[in-house]
Amino acid sequence: MNSAEILKIYERKIHLLEEKNNSLQSELTLYQKRCEQYAQAYDSLQHQINELRRHRFGKKSERFIDPEHPQLSLLADNAAIFAEAEAKGDAACDEVQIASHTRKKKEKSNKDLPRRIEIIPVSEHDRQCSCGCQKEVIRYEKKEILHYQPPIFELIEQRREVVACKKGCDGAIMTALAPLKVLPKISVSESFLSFIVVSKLDDRQPLYHLEKQLKARHEVDCSRQSMAGWMIDLMHPMQPLYNLMKDQVIEYDVTACDATTLQVLNEPDRKAETKSYIYCMRGGAPGKEVVLYEYNDREHKKFIADWYAGFQGYLHVDGDNFFEDMPDMPGVVLVNCNTHARRKFEPIAQGAKGKGVAKEALRRYKELYRIEREAKDKNLSSEERHALRQEKSKPLMESFKQWLDEIYPTVLPQSPLGKAIQYWQNRWKGLMRYLDDGRLEADNNLTEQKIKPIVIARKNFLFADTVAGARSLCMHFSFIQTAKLHRHDPYRYYTIVLKKLPHCKTLEDYERLLPWNMNPDGSGKADTT
């Protein structure tokens, strides 16, 4: 065997070894990818287990305590006081006073209640003095006692006079006109209708509870079907007021939107188990703030675009997909919620030990919200709050984004931490947009607070039977929450509105019934513009 043949044999062996090496390298790459997938699956499952254990056994608070500085500063709230004293000089330091307690004392709320004076006399025996004189009252020992009187349900028998001529002239018989009513064909008063609406939605009493209570405690027969029908029938006469409140939202350039689910049993072409949505919209100029609710079952992007048709300005939203990429809303600028972005890191930080990326993200958010607290405590105007954010918050947000951009390549994209960072990166423009205007909020928490009454009430009435019932829930919730926003008692406001609605003929008549055009006692205000 010559050298050329030997060389060919070795070349063939080398080629086989290279093929085997390539095959092993491919298998190694495949195993590495599988290991990454298994690691991501493990992290995801472990994250879900930790979340389930936390919701089942642990605390649900999202409060973050910095692991490097777990002890809060004793004088953190008084730093501004010391800085001001130092600027004035040492002489002023002796005059600095630090409040020992910052909690506001609760004012007694009983001062506006009706007052009935009850005189408790001294007995006749004690009125007689030992000297024989009759004692006189010189003062009273006073004590206030809160008293409860059960509600009174009564039947009002209306008797309309019928008059006739004594001589029996033709056409001389006249009957008094029936009083105008918001629902003319029903046999209950506006006060009773207000009681039903407020009891179900604000006091969270399901109608079947009201039916049983009225029968057992007051011997009043009123079926839940009738009460539900009356609430639906009220939608038509109250629609003009709802439209006027919606106009306030559309005309002002700052608004907010959020949604929660609602189950409607009888929806066309849908199963009873399918979830629909109730949307909450906040807006309106200062002094004319409005909270509105609207029902929707599908095509959420189209619904939002149609509802906000004509609106131009800032729209606070969360991270739901149907709020993103709204092509049919020109002139609308989305402001994303930083609380939702922070919430992605919070459960990761709760399950981590020691330092970590998630805890550092929460620490940075803590600094940002400390600035928001400073603006609120100082009661800054929108211009002053914008200047404060530009000075302090903007550098922190820019540093935050740069830090997350550097961290993201080092984490697994499908891990909980990777998804949290990706959520932030995909929405960072909207998350930083609150820095552009002092009227904007850093989050959408105020709208979530207005969603909460529906969520709590939903735990009692559970579902709506029909689409009309769902829409009536939204309309009545809108009036109740907007009335409370302007310090009205919902029952009193509803009673006044329902009594006056049948007499409304012009736009000005309806405008007088808007919550900001009425005093809490029900009287109208002079300026109704």
Protein backbone atom coordinates (compact mmCIF):
# COMPACT_ATOMS: atom_id res chain seq x y z
CA MET A 1 0.00 0.00 0.00
CA ASN A 2 1.56 3.20 -1.14
CA SER A 3 1.45 6.53 0.61
CA ALA A 4 -1.33 7.91 -1.65
CA GLU A 5 -3.70 5.11 -0.63
CA ILE A 6 -2.83 5.57 3.03
CA LEU A 7 -3.55 9.30 2.68
CA LYS A 8 -6.96 8.60 1.15
CA ILE A 9 -7.82 6.25 4.01
CA TYR A 10 -6.92 8.88 6.58
CA GLU A 11 -8.86 11.56 4.69
CA ARG A 12 -11.88 9.26 4.63
CA LYS A 13 -11.59 8.68 8.39
CA ILE A 14 -11.20 12.39 9.01
CA HIS A 15 -14.31 13.06 6.92
CA LEU A 16 -16.28 10.47 8.88
CA LEU A 17 -15.09 11.99 12.14
CA GLU A 18 -16.11 15.45 10.97
CA GLU A 19 -19.56 14.17 10.00
CA LYS A 20 -19.90 12.50 13.38
CA ASN A 21 -18.70 15.65 15.10
CA ASN A 22 -21.24 17.73 13.19
CA SER A 23 -23.94 15.26 14.09
CA LEU A 24 -22.95 15.39 17.76
CA GLN A 25 -22.80 19.19 17.58
CA SER A 26 -26.33 19.28 16.16
CA GLU A 27 -27.55 16.95 18.89
CA LEU A 28 -25.82 19.13 21.50
CA THR A 29 -27.49 22.26 20.12
CA LEU A 30 -30.84 20.47 20.15
CA TYR A 31 -30.30 19.35 23.75
CA GLN A 32 -29.30 22.89 24.74
CA LYS A 33 -32.48 24.28 23.20
CA ARG A 34 -34.51 21.63 25.00
CA CYS A 35 -32.76 22.49 28.25
CA GLU A 36 -33.64 26.15 27.73
CA GLN A 37 -37.26 25.19 27.04
CA TYR A 38 -37.34 22.97 30.11
CA ALA A 39 -35.80 25.78 32.18
CA GLN A 40 -38.41 28.23 30.91
CA ALA A 41 -41.20 25.73 31.56
CA TYR A 42 -39.84 25.08 35.04
CA ASP A 43 -39.59 28.80 35.83
CA SER A 44 -43.09 29.37 34.49
CA LEU A 45 -44.60 26.50 36.49
CA GLN A 46 -42.68 27.49 39.61
CA HIS A 47 -43.93 31.06 39.17
CA GLN A 48 -47.52 29.82 38.84
CA ILE A 49 -47.17 27.62 41.92
CA ASN A 50 -45.76 30.51 43.95
CA GLU A 51 -48.61 32.76 42.81
CA LEU A 52 -51.23 30.12 43.67
CA ARG A 53 -49.70 29.55 47.09
CA ARG A 54 -49.54 33.26 47.70
CA HIS A 55 -53.18 33.84 46.73
CA ARG A 56 -54.26 30.83 48.79
CA PHE A 57 -52.17 31.30 51.92
CA GLY A 58 -50.16 34.53 51.70
CA LYS A 59 -50.65 38.29 51.61
CA LYS A 60 -52.03 39.94 48.49
CA SER A 61 -50.52 43.33 49.26
CA GLU A 62 -48.28 44.70 46.50
CA ARG A 63 -46.29 46.87 48.89
CA PHE A 64 -42.53 46.70 48.33
CA ILE A 65 -39.87 47.02 51.03
CA ASP A 66 -36.35 47.56 49.77
CA PRO A 67 -34.21 44.59 51.00
CA GLU A 68 -31.17 46.86 51.26
CA HIS A 69 -33.06 49.40 53.38
CA PRO A 70 -35.87 47.51 55.14
CA GLN A 71 -36.10 50.06 57.95
CA LEU A 72 -38.05 53.15 56.88
CA SER A 73 -36.48 56.52 57.59
CA LEU A 74 -37.83 58.05 60.78
CA LEU A 75 -37.45 61.60 59.46
CA ALA A 76 -38.10 60.98 55.76
CA ASP A 77 -41.30 63.00 55.77
CA ASN A 78 -39.59 65.95 57.45
CA ALA A 79 -36.63 66.30 55.07
CA ALA A 80 -38.24 69.33 53.44
CA ILE A 81 -38.70 70.96 56.85
CA PHE A 82 -35.03 70.55 57.71
CA ALA A 83 -33.94 71.81 54.27
CA GLU A 84 -36.07 74.94 54.69
CA ALA A 85 -34.73 75.54 58.17
CA GLU A 86 -31.13 75.14 57.00
CA ALA A 87 -31.72 77.68 54.23
CA LYS A 88 -33.04 80.21 56.75
CA GLY A 89 -30.09 79.77 59.06
CA ASP A 90 -29.29 78.32 62.45
CA ALA A 91 -31.62 80.74 64.22
CA ALA A 92 -34.57 79.24 62.45
CA CYS A 93 -33.64 75.72 63.56
CA ASP A 94 -34.91 76.42 67.02
CA GLU A 95 -38.32 77.24 65.58
CA VAL A 96 -38.73 74.05 63.53
CA GLN A 97 -41.63 71.92 64.70
CA ILE A 98 -42.05 68.35 63.54
CA ALA A 99 -45.52 66.89 63.66
CA SER A 100 -45.65 63.82 65.88
CA HIS A 101 -48.68 62.44 64.07
CA THR A 102 -49.81 63.17 60.54
CA ARG A 103 -53.06 61.22 60.49
CA LYS A 104 -56.04 63.49 59.93
CA LYS A 105 -58.68 63.42 62.60
CA LYS A 106 -62.03 62.24 61.39
CA GLU A 107 -64.69 64.90 61.53
CA LYS A 108 -67.97 63.93 63.12
CA SER A 109 -70.51 63.33 60.37
CA ASN A 110 -73.61 63.48 62.61
CA LYS A 111 -73.86 67.27 62.63
CA ASP A 112 -76.13 67.36 59.56
CA LEU A 113 -78.61 64.81 60.88
CA PRO A 114 -82.10 65.93 61.90
CA ARG A 115 -82.12 66.80 65.60
CA ARG A 116 -84.97 66.09 68.02
CA ILE A 117 -84.69 67.48 71.51
CA GLU A 118 -85.98 65.25 74.28
CA ILE A 119 -86.41 66.83 77.72
CA ILE A 120 -85.96 64.42 80.66
CA PRO A 121 -87.62 66.10 83.67
CA VAL A 122 -86.65 65.82 87.28
CA SER A 123 -89.18 63.93 89.39
CA GLU A 124 -91.75 65.93 91.39
CA HIS A 125 -90.24 64.73 94.64
CA ASP A 126 -86.76 66.04 93.71
CA ARG A 127 -88.18 69.39 92.58
CA GLN A 128 -89.17 70.22 96.15
CA CYS A 129 -86.36 71.77 98.18
CA SER A 130 -85.94 70.97 101.87
CA CYS A 131 -86.63 74.64 102.61
CA GLY A 132 -90.02 74.39 100.99
CA CYS A 133 -89.22 76.29 97.77
CA GLN A 134 -89.83 74.93 94.26
CA LYS A 135 -86.57 74.34 92.39
CA GLU A 136 -86.09 75.95 88.94
CA VAL A 137 -84.30 74.63 85.85
CA ILE A 138 -80.89 76.35 85.62
CA ARG A 139 -79.26 74.25 82.86
CA TYR A 140 -79.32 70.89 81.07
CA GLU A 141 -76.92 67.98 81.11
CA LYS A 142 -76.59 67.15 77.39
CA LYS A 143 -75.94 63.80 75.76
CA GLU A 144 -76.30 62.96 72.05
CA ILE A 145 -77.74 59.54 71.15
CA LEU A 146 -77.83 58.23 67.58
CA HIS A 147 -81.32 56.92 66.88
CA TYR A 148 -82.60 54.64 64.11
CA GLN A 149 -86.12 54.66 62.75
CA PRO A 150 -87.17 51.87 60.37
CA PRO A 151 -88.25 52.96 56.88
CA ILE A 152 -91.93 53.51 56.29
CA PHE A 153 -93.76 52.00 53.32
CA GLU A 154 -97.22 53.36 52.74
CA LEU A 155 -99.93 53.39 50.09
CA ILE A 156 -100.78 56.78 48.65
CA GLU A 157 -104.37 56.88 47.46
CA GLN A 158 -104.59 59.58 44.81
CA ARG A 159 -108.03 61.10 44.41
CA ARG A 160 -108.41 63.41 41.43
CA GLU A 161 -111.29 65.78 41.73
CA VAL A 162 -114.11 65.51 39.23
CA VAL A 163 -116.23 68.66 38.99
CA ALA A 164 -119.54 69.20 37.21
CA CYS A 165 -122.02 71.97 36.69
CA LYS A 166 -125.05 71.84 38.99
CA LYS A 167 -127.30 72.63 36.06
CA GLY A 168 -126.10 69.57 34.13
CA CYS A 169 -124.62 71.45 31.16
CA ASP A 170 -123.06 69.30 28.46
CA GLY A 171 -119.25 69.05 28.65
CA ALA A 172 -119.19 70.68 32.08
CA ILE A 173 -117.68 67.63 33.82
CA MET A 174 -113.92 68.08 34.30
CA THR A 175 -111.36 65.79 35.97
CA ALA A 176 -108.12 67.03 37.49
CA LEU A 177 -105.08 66.18 35.38
CA ALA A 178 -102.98 63.28 36.62
CA PRO A 179 -99.53 64.31 37.90
CA LEU A 180 -96.71 63.67 35.43
CA LYS A 181 -94.67 60.58 36.28
CA VAL A 182 -91.43 59.24 34.86
CA LEU A 183 -93.13 55.84 34.34
CA PRO A 184 -96.86 56.66 34.06
CA LYS A 185 -98.19 53.08 33.90
CA ILE A 186 -96.69 51.71 37.11
CA SER A 187 -98.17 51.98 40.59
CA VAL A 188 -95.09 52.98 42.60
CA SER A 189 -93.66 56.40 43.37
CA GLU A 190 -90.34 57.90 42.25
CA SER A 191 -89.06 57.47 45.80
CA PHE A 192 -89.74 53.74 45.63
CA LEU A 193 -87.97 53.48 42.26
CA SER A 194 -84.98 55.30 43.72
CA PHE A 195 -85.00 52.92 46.68
CA ILE A 196 -84.85 49.91 44.34
CA VAL A 197 -82.03 51.28 42.16
CA VAL A 198 -79.84 52.43 45.05
CA SER A 199 -80.48 49.29 47.10
CA LYS A 200 -79.46 46.97 44.28
CA LEU A 201 -76.43 48.84 42.94
CA ASP A 202 -75.05 51.00 45.76
CA ASP A 203 -76.13 48.90 48.75
CA ARG A 204 -75.46 45.70 46.75
CA GLN A 205 -78.77 44.01 47.55
CA PRO A 206 -79.90 41.51 44.88
CA LEU A 207 -83.51 41.94 43.84
CA TYR A 208 -84.54 38.56 45.23
CA HIS A 209 -83.24 39.72 48.64
CA LEU A 210 -85.28 42.91 48.34
CA GLU A 211 -88.35 40.90 47.38
CA LYS A 212 -88.04 38.71 50.49
CA GLN A 213 -87.26 41.62 52.83
CA LEU A 214 -90.18 43.72 51.62
CA LYS A 215 -92.54 40.79 52.13
CA ALA A 216 -91.19 39.61 55.48
CA ARG A 217 -90.57 42.96 57.17
CA HIS A 218 -93.16 45.27 55.63
CA GLU A 219 -95.76 42.93 54.05
CA VAL A 220 -95.17 44.55 50.66
CA ASP A 221 -95.70 42.34 47.61
CA CYS A 222 -93.29 43.38 44.87
CA SER A 223 -91.77 40.75 42.62
CA ARG A 224 -88.17 40.84 41.46
CA GLN A 225 -89.40 40.64 37.85
CA SER A 226 -91.34 43.87 38.28
CA MET A 227 -88.40 45.63 39.92
CA ALA A 228 -86.02 44.50 37.16
CA GLY A 229 -88.50 45.65 34.51
CA TRP A 230 -88.81 49.09 36.10
CA MET A 231 -85.03 49.53 36.17
CA ILE A 232 -84.91 48.73 32.45
CA ASP A 233 -87.86 51.03 31.68
CA LEU A 234 -86.06 53.95 33.36
CA MET A 235 -83.33 53.83 30.70
CA HIS A 236 -85.42 55.67 28.09
CA PRO A 237 -86.34 58.80 30.11
CA MET A 238 -82.81 59.01 31.59
CA GLN A 239 -80.99 58.62 28.25
CA PRO A 240 -80.81 62.40 27.54
CA LEU A 241 -78.98 62.96 30.84
CA TYR A 242 -76.56 60.14 30.04
CA ASN A 243 -75.86 61.67 26.62
CA LEU A 244 -75.11 65.06 28.19
CA MET A 245 -72.64 63.46 30.59
CA LYS A 246 -70.99 61.60 27.73
CA ASP A 247 -70.57 64.91 25.89
CA GLN A 248 -68.49 66.15 28.82
CA VAL A 249 -66.11 63.20 28.40
CA ILE A 250 -65.74 63.68 24.65
CA GLU A 251 -65.24 67.46 24.84
CA TYR A 252 -62.44 67.37 27.43
CA ASP A 253 -58.99 66.26 26.28
CA VAL A 254 -58.12 63.91 29.17
CA THR A 255 -60.03 60.70 29.82
CA ALA A 256 -59.52 57.16 31.11
CA CYS A 257 -60.97 53.74 30.32
CA ASP A 258 -60.96 50.32 31.96
CA ALA A 259 -63.08 47.18 31.75
CA THR A 260 -64.33 44.25 33.80
CA THR A 261 -66.28 41.14 32.90
CA LEU A 262 -70.00 40.47 33.24
CA GLN A 263 -71.93 37.30 32.52
CA VAL A 264 -75.20 37.74 30.59
CA LEU A 265 -77.32 34.62 30.40
CA ASN A 266 -79.52 35.39 27.39
CA GLU A 267 -77.38 36.98 24.70
CA PRO A 268 -78.13 36.41 21.01
CA ASP A 269 -75.86 33.81 19.40
CA ARG A 270 -73.76 33.34 22.54
CA LYS A 271 -73.52 30.73 25.26
CA ALA A 272 -74.56 31.68 28.78
CA GLU A 273 -71.03 30.96 30.05
CA THR A 274 -69.44 33.49 27.67
CA LYS A 275 -68.12 36.59 29.41
CA SER A 276 -69.05 40.06 28.21
CA TYR A 277 -67.55 43.36 29.36
CA ILE A 278 -68.55 46.48 31.24
CA TYR A 279 -66.39 49.47 30.39
CA CYS A 280 -65.78 52.37 32.75
CA MET A 281 -64.99 55.77 31.23
CA ARG A 282 -63.83 58.71 33.35
CA GLY A 283 -63.47 62.25 32.07
CA GLY A 284 -64.88 65.75 32.04
CA ALA A 285 -63.41 69.15 32.81
CA PRO A 286 -62.60 70.10 36.44
CA GLY A 287 -65.87 70.62 38.29
CA LYS A 288 -67.78 68.54 35.72
CA GLU A 289 -66.16 65.15 36.26
CA VAL A 290 -68.11 62.16 34.98
CA VAL A 291 -67.98 58.40 35.53
CA LEU A 292 -69.82 56.41 32.88
CA TYR A 293 -70.30 52.69 32.30
CA GLU A 294 -71.15 50.92 29.06
CA TYR A 295 -71.90 47.30 28.17
CA ASN A 296 -70.22 45.53 25.24
CA ASP A 297 -70.07 41.88 24.23
CA ARG A 298 -67.64 41.72 21.28
CA GLU A 299 -65.46 43.66 18.81
CA HIS A 300 -63.82 45.63 21.58
CA LYS A 301 -61.55 47.74 19.39
CA LYS A 302 -64.51 48.88 17.30
CA PHE A 303 -66.52 49.59 20.43
CA ILE A 304 -63.79 51.82 21.88
CA ALA A 305 -63.33 53.64 18.57
CA ASP A 306 -67.09 54.24 18.22
CA TRP A 307 -67.59 55.34 21.81
CA TYR A 308 -64.74 57.86 21.65
CA ALA A 309 -65.69 59.15 18.19
CA GLY A 310 -64.82 62.85 18.10
CA PHE A 311 -62.50 62.72 21.10
CA GLN A 312 -59.08 64.36 20.82
CA GLY A 313 -56.51 64.06 23.59
CA TYR A 314 -55.01 61.69 26.13
CA LEU A 315 -56.61 58.32 26.93
CA HIS A 316 -55.48 56.46 30.06
CA VAL A 317 -55.61 52.69 29.49
CA ASP A 318 -54.12 49.48 30.83
CA GLY A 319 -52.22 46.89 28.79
CA ASP A 320 -55.17 45.00 27.26
CA ASN A 321 -54.69 44.13 23.61
CA PHE A 322 -57.84 45.87 22.43
CA PHE A 323 -56.44 49.21 23.60
CA GLU A 324 -53.32 48.85 21.46
CA ASP A 325 -52.97 49.87 17.79
CA MET A 326 -56.24 51.75 17.46
CA PRO A 327 -56.23 52.79 13.77
CA ASP A 328 -59.72 54.33 13.92
CA MET A 329 -58.85 56.87 16.63
CA PRO A 330 -56.78 59.66 15.06
CA GLY A 331 -55.74 62.35 17.51
CA VAL A 332 -55.96 59.99 20.51
CA VAL A 333 -52.75 59.53 22.51
CA LEU A 334 -52.60 56.43 24.75
CA VAL A 335 -51.23 56.82 28.27
CA ASN A 336 -50.33 53.41 29.68
CA CYS A 337 -50.64 52.41 33.32
CA ASN A 338 -47.40 52.11 35.30
CA THR A 339 -49.16 50.12 38.01
CA HIS A 340 -49.84 47.33 35.52
CA ALA A 341 -46.19 47.38 34.41
CA ARG A 342 -45.03 47.32 38.03
CA ARG A 343 -47.44 44.47 38.78
CA LYS A 344 -45.54 42.22 36.34
CA PHE A 345 -42.40 42.45 38.49
CA GLU A 346 -44.09 42.27 41.89
CA PRO A 347 -44.86 38.49 42.12
CA ILE A 348 -41.35 37.70 40.81
CA ALA A 349 -39.83 39.84 43.53
CA GLN A 350 -42.00 38.17 46.17
CA GLY A 351 -40.67 34.73 45.24
CA ALA A 352 -37.01 35.77 44.82
CA LYS A 353 -34.41 35.51 47.57
CA GLY A 354 -31.92 38.30 48.10
CA LYS A 355 -31.32 40.90 45.44
CA GLY A 356 -32.66 40.55 41.92
CA VAL A 357 -33.81 42.36 38.82
CA ALA A 358 -37.48 42.37 39.86
CA LYS A 359 -36.70 43.87 43.26
CA GLU A 360 -34.54 46.52 41.65
CA ALA A 361 -37.44 47.36 39.30
CA LEU A 362 -39.78 47.75 42.28
CA ARG A 363 -37.21 49.94 44.04
CA ARG A 364 -37.07 52.24 41.02
CA TYR A 365 -40.86 52.40 40.90
CA LYS A 366 -40.86 53.28 44.59
CA GLU A 367 -38.70 56.31 43.84
CA LEU A 368 -41.04 57.38 41.04
CA TYR A 369 -44.13 57.10 43.21
CA ARG A 370 -42.42 58.99 46.01
CA ILE A 371 -42.30 61.94 43.62
CA GLU A 372 -46.01 61.54 42.89
CA ARG A 373 -46.70 61.51 46.62
CA GLU A 374 -44.66 64.69 47.01
CA ALA A 375 -46.76 66.44 44.36
CA LYS A 376 -49.98 65.31 46.05
CA ASP A 377 -48.88 66.30 49.56
CA LYS A 378 -47.86 69.76 48.36
CA ASN A 379 -51.15 70.10 46.43
CA LEU A 380 -49.29 71.21 43.32
CA SER A 381 -51.09 72.57 40.28
CA SER A 382 -50.86 70.71 36.98
CA GLU A 383 -48.15 73.11 35.77
CA GLU A 384 -46.13 72.67 38.96
CA ARG A 385 -46.52 68.90 38.85
CA HIS A 386 -45.32 68.86 35.22
CA ALA A 387 -42.23 70.87 36.21
CA LEU A 388 -41.52 68.52 39.14
CA ARG A 389 -41.80 65.46 36.91
CA GLN A 390 -39.51 66.94 34.29
CA GLU A 391 -36.93 67.66 36.96
CA LYS A 392 -37.08 64.41 38.95
CA SER A 393 -39.20 61.72 37.27
CA LYS A 394 -38.01 62.01 33.68
CA PRO A 395 -34.32 61.17 34.43
CA LEU A 396 -35.44 58.20 36.53
CA MET A 397 -37.71 56.86 33.78
CA GLU A 398 -35.01 57.25 31.11
CA SER A 399 -32.48 55.50 33.37
CA PHE A 400 -35.09 52.80 34.05
CA LYS A 401 -35.55 52.09 30.34
CA GLN A 402 -31.82 52.04 29.64
CA TRP A 403 -31.28 49.60 32.51
CA LEU A 404 -34.05 47.24 31.29
CA ASP A 405 -32.66 47.36 27.72
CA GLU A 406 -29.30 46.18 29.07
CA ILE A 407 -30.87 43.45 31.23
CA TYR A 408 -33.25 41.97 28.64
CA PRO A 409 -30.62 40.10 26.49
CA THR A 410 -29.42 38.24 29.60
CA VAL A 411 -32.82 36.74 30.55
CA LEU A 412 -34.92 34.01 28.93
CA PRO A 413 -37.58 35.73 26.77
CA GLN A 414 -40.37 33.36 27.80
CA SER A 415 -39.55 33.40 31.51
CA PRO A 416 -41.75 35.49 33.85
CA LEU A 417 -38.99 38.07 34.16
CA GLY A 418 -38.47 38.14 30.39
CA LYS A 419 -42.20 38.68 29.83
CA ALA A 420 -42.27 41.44 32.45
CA ILE A 421 -39.41 43.31 30.77
CA GLN A 422 -40.92 42.76 27.33
CA TYR A 423 -44.26 44.16 28.55
CA TRP A 424 -42.43 47.30 29.73
CA GLN A 425 -40.44 47.66 26.51
CA ASN A 426 -43.47 47.23 24.26
CA ARG A 427 -45.32 50.03 26.05
CA TRP A 428 -42.51 52.30 27.24
CA LYS A 429 -43.70 55.29 25.20
CA GLY A 430 -47.14 55.09 26.80
CA LEU A 431 -45.64 54.48 30.25
CA MET A 432 -43.51 57.64 29.99
CA ARG A 433 -46.30 59.77 28.50
CA TYR A 434 -47.60 60.93 31.88
CA LEU A 435 -44.50 63.13 32.02
CA ASP A 436 -45.84 65.26 29.14
CA ASP A 437 -48.76 66.87 30.98
CA GLY A 438 -49.31 67.61 34.66
CA ARG A 439 -52.99 66.70 34.39
CA LEU A 440 -52.11 63.10 33.57
CA GLU A 441 -51.70 60.34 36.15
CA ALA A 442 -48.84 57.87 36.38
CA ASP A 443 -51.35 55.00 36.37
CA ASN A 444 -54.98 54.15 35.80
CA ASN A 445 -55.73 53.43 39.46
CA LEU A 446 -58.50 56.04 39.72
CA THR A 447 -60.46 54.23 37.02
CA GLU A 448 -59.83 50.87 38.69
CA GLN A 449 -61.32 52.34 41.86
CA LYS A 450 -64.49 53.17 39.93
CA ILE A 451 -64.60 49.63 38.53
CA LYS A 452 -64.47 48.19 42.05
CA PRO A 453 -68.12 49.04 42.99
CA ILE A 454 -69.30 46.97 40.03
CA VAL A 455 -67.00 44.09 40.95
CA ILE A 456 -68.27 44.06 44.55
CA ALA A 457 -71.92 44.34 43.51
CA ARG A 458 -71.41 41.60 40.91
CA LYS A 459 -70.50 39.16 43.69
CA ASN A 460 -74.07 39.53 44.91
CA PHE A 461 -76.22 39.69 41.77
CA LEU A 462 -73.71 37.42 39.88
CA PHE A 463 -75.03 38.01 36.35
CA ALA A 464 -77.51 39.87 34.16
CA ASP A 465 -80.36 37.95 32.61
CA THR A 466 -80.65 39.95 29.38
CA VAL A 467 -78.69 42.50 27.40
CA ALA A 468 -81.26 45.16 28.34
CA GLY A 469 -80.66 44.34 32.00
CA ALA A 470 -76.90 44.69 31.54
CA ARG A 471 -77.32 48.06 29.86
CA SER A 472 -79.61 49.30 32.63
CA LEU A 473 -77.01 48.27 35.23
CA CYS A 474 -74.43 50.39 33.41
CA MET A 475 -76.70 53.43 33.13
CA HIS A 476 -77.77 53.40 36.77
CA PHE A 477 -74.19 52.81 37.95
CA SER A 478 -73.19 55.85 35.90
CA PHE A 479 -75.66 58.15 37.63
CA ILE A 480 -74.94 56.79 41.10
CA GLN A 481 -71.15 57.06 40.85
CA THR A 482 -71.23 60.49 39.18
CA ALA A 483 -73.67 61.76 41.83
CA LYS A 484 -71.41 60.49 44.62
CA LEU A 485 -68.42 62.11 42.89
CA HIS A 486 -70.20 65.46 43.32
CA ARG A 487 -71.13 64.73 46.96
CA HIS A 488 -74.77 63.91 46.36
CA ASP A 489 -76.67 61.30 48.29
CA PRO A 490 -77.59 58.81 45.53
CA TYR A 491 -81.10 58.16 46.81
CA ARG A 492 -81.94 61.84 47.21
CA TYR A 493 -80.43 62.70 43.82
CA TYR A 494 -82.36 59.91 42.07
CA THR A 495 -85.63 60.94 43.68
CA ILE A 496 -85.25 64.57 42.58
CA VAL A 497 -84.23 63.62 39.04
CA LEU A 498 -87.05 61.11 38.54
CA LYS A 499 -89.62 63.64 39.75
CA LYS A 500 -88.34 66.42 37.48
CA LEU A 501 -87.62 64.40 34.32
CA PRO A 502 -91.28 64.34 33.10
CA HIS A 503 -91.30 68.16 33.16
CA CYS A 504 -88.14 68.56 31.04
CA LYS A 505 -88.90 70.08 27.66
CA THR A 506 -85.69 71.87 26.62
CA LEU A 507 -81.97 71.22 26.76
CA GLU A 508 -81.65 73.69 29.62
CA ASP A 509 -84.20 71.71 31.63
CA TYR A 510 -82.07 68.56 31.34
CA GLU A 511 -78.83 70.42 32.06
CA ARG A 512 -80.24 71.64 35.39
CA LEU A 513 -80.47 68.00 36.51
CA LEU A 514 -76.77 67.24 35.96
CA PRO A 515 -74.99 66.56 39.27
CA TRP A 516 -72.66 69.58 39.06
CA ASN A 517 -75.63 71.90 38.46
CA MET A 518 -77.34 70.83 41.67
CA ASN A 519 -76.40 71.45 45.29
CA PRO A 520 -76.18 68.42 47.62
CA ASP A 521 -79.49 69.49 49.18
CA GLY A 522 -81.19 69.22 45.77
CA SER A 523 -81.50 72.93 45.02
CA GLY A 524 -80.29 74.24 41.68
CA LYS A 525 -77.24 76.38 41.13
CA ALA A 526 -77.35 79.77 39.50
CA ASP A 527 -74.76 78.96 36.84
CA THR A 528 -75.78 75.98 34.70
CA THR A 529 -73.31 76.47 31.88
